[in-house]
Structures are given as C-alpha cells and as structure tokens.
Amino acid sequence: MDRTVIRLGLLGLGPIAQMPFPTTLLTEYGELPQSVVIHSGAVAAMGATQLALTVVPLAFFSGLCLPPSSPDFVSPTGAKPCGRR
C-alpha cells in the first residue's frame, strides 16, 4: 500500500512539473486547437493521478480490498486482496 501511494505520488509530480509548458503554450497560441488539447491532456493527467491518490487509500482502508495474510486468504465480506504488501 505504501509503495503504491509513493509511486502514484511520484507519477503525479510529473504532470505538475510540466504544467508551465502547456500553460505557456496555451497563453501564446490559445487560438490553435493543438495547444488546447495539450493543455487539457496535462490537466487530465494531473486529475487522474490525484483521483488515484484518493481512491487507492480509500479502497484499501474501507475494506473494499484487504491485504492477504496467507496464500489461502478468504475475507468474510468477500473483499479481494489488494496485492502484495
């Protein structure tokens, strides 16, 4: 779980660090559809990683998925294991 959150956090920093380029592109060439597409793609990438950073811990801690304690792990609620810890 911790590794997943760290990786998602680092993945989310990429689009955030690159935002000055699409913003400048949109400011200077706002009339071109390509600049709008590039900027909206960067914003969508940031939103997707932020959404994943919200959903993954919520799913882990709400019982939607549980860490396996043994190879034959069976949850009483039917939740599936989240993966390796």
Protein backbone atom coordinates (compact mmCIF):
# COMPACT_ATOMS: atom_id res chain seq x y z
CA MET A 1 0.00 0.00 0.00
CA ASP A 2 2.75 2.46 0.94
CA ARG A 3 4.74 1.69 -2.22
CA THR A 4 1.65 2.20 -4.35
CA VAL A 5 0.92 5.60 -2.82
CA ILE A 6 4.54 6.70 -3.17
CA ARG A 7 4.63 5.62 -6.82
CA LEU A 8 1.34 7.38 -7.54
CA GLY A 9 2.65 10.50 -5.81
CA LEU A 10 5.79 10.49 -7.90
CA LEU A 11 3.77 9.81 -11.03
CA GLY A 12 1.55 12.77 -10.17
CA LEU A 13 4.54 15.09 -9.81
CA GLY A 14 5.47 14.60 -13.47
CA PRO A 15 2.46 16.40 -14.96
CA ILE A 16 2.61 19.03 -12.22
CA ALA A 17 6.26 19.77 -13.01
CA GLN A 18 5.45 20.00 -16.72
CA MET A 19 2.48 22.39 -16.31
CA PRO A 20 4.43 25.59 -17.13
CA PHE A 21 4.98 24.34 -20.71
CA PRO A 22 1.31 23.64 -21.61
CA THR A 23 0.22 26.82 -19.81
CA THR A 24 2.69 28.95 -21.76
CA LEU A 25 1.68 27.18 -24.95
CA LEU A 26 -1.98 27.93 -24.25
CA THR A 27 -1.21 31.55 -23.39
CA GLU A 28 0.77 32.22 -26.56
CA TYR A 29 -1.16 30.01 -29.00
CA GLY A 30 -4.63 29.84 -27.44
CA GLU A 31 -6.34 30.12 -30.80
CA LEU A 32 -4.85 26.84 -32.01
CA PRO A 33 -6.74 23.66 -31.08
CA GLN A 34 -3.48 21.74 -30.58
CA SER A 35 -2.48 23.96 -27.66
CA VAL A 36 -5.87 23.45 -26.02
CA VAL A 37 -5.58 19.67 -26.47
CA ILE A 38 -2.07 19.60 -24.96
CA HIS A 39 -3.12 21.72 -22.00
CA SER A 40 -6.28 19.73 -21.36
CA GLY A 41 -4.32 16.48 -21.61
CA ALA A 42 -1.87 17.71 -18.98
CA VAL A 43 -4.72 18.77 -16.69
CA ALA A 44 -6.44 15.40 -17.23
CA ALA A 45 -3.22 13.54 -16.36
CA MET A 46 -2.91 15.55 -13.14
CA GLY A 47 -6.54 14.88 -12.30
CA ALA A 48 -6.20 11.16 -12.97
CA THR A 49 -3.22 10.78 -10.67
CA GLN A 50 -4.89 12.85 -7.95
CA LEU A 51 -8.00 10.71 -8.26
CA ALA A 52 -5.91 7.56 -7.97
CA LEU A 53 -4.20 9.01 -4.89
CA THR A 54 -7.65 9.46 -3.35
CA VAL A 55 -9.24 6.18 -4.42
CA VAL A 56 -6.39 3.76 -3.64
CA PRO A 57 -6.13 4.56 0.10
CA LEU A 58 -9.91 4.77 0.45
CA ALA A 59 -10.34 1.36 -1.17
CA PHE A 60 -7.58 -0.10 0.99
CA PHE A 61 -8.85 1.24 4.31
CA SER A 62 -12.58 0.94 3.69
CA GLY A 63 -12.46 -2.83 3.26
CA LEU A 64 -13.07 -2.89 -0.48
CA CYS A 65 -9.82 -4.77 -0.73
CA LEU A 66 -7.79 -6.29 2.08
CA PRO A 67 -4.15 -7.26 2.37
CA PRO A 68 -3.69 -11.03 2.18
CA SER A 69 -2.44 -12.62 5.37
CA SER A 70 -1.79 -16.04 3.81
CA PRO A 71 -1.98 -17.68 0.38
CA ASP A 72 -5.43 -19.09 1.15
CA PHE A 73 -6.80 -15.75 2.43
CA VAL A 74 -10.59 -15.52 2.40
CA SER A 75 -12.35 -12.36 3.53
CA PRO A 76 -15.63 -12.70 5.45
CA THR A 77 -17.02 -9.81 3.42
CA GLY A 78 -15.88 -11.25 0.08
CA ALA A 79 -13.35 -8.46 -0.46
CA LYS A 80 -10.49 -9.33 -2.76
CA PRO A 81 -6.85 -8.93 -1.67
CA CYS A 82 -5.19 -5.68 -2.79
CA GLY A 83 -1.95 -7.34 -3.72
CA ARG A 84 1.44 -7.64 -2.13
CA ARG A 85 2.36 -5.55 0.86
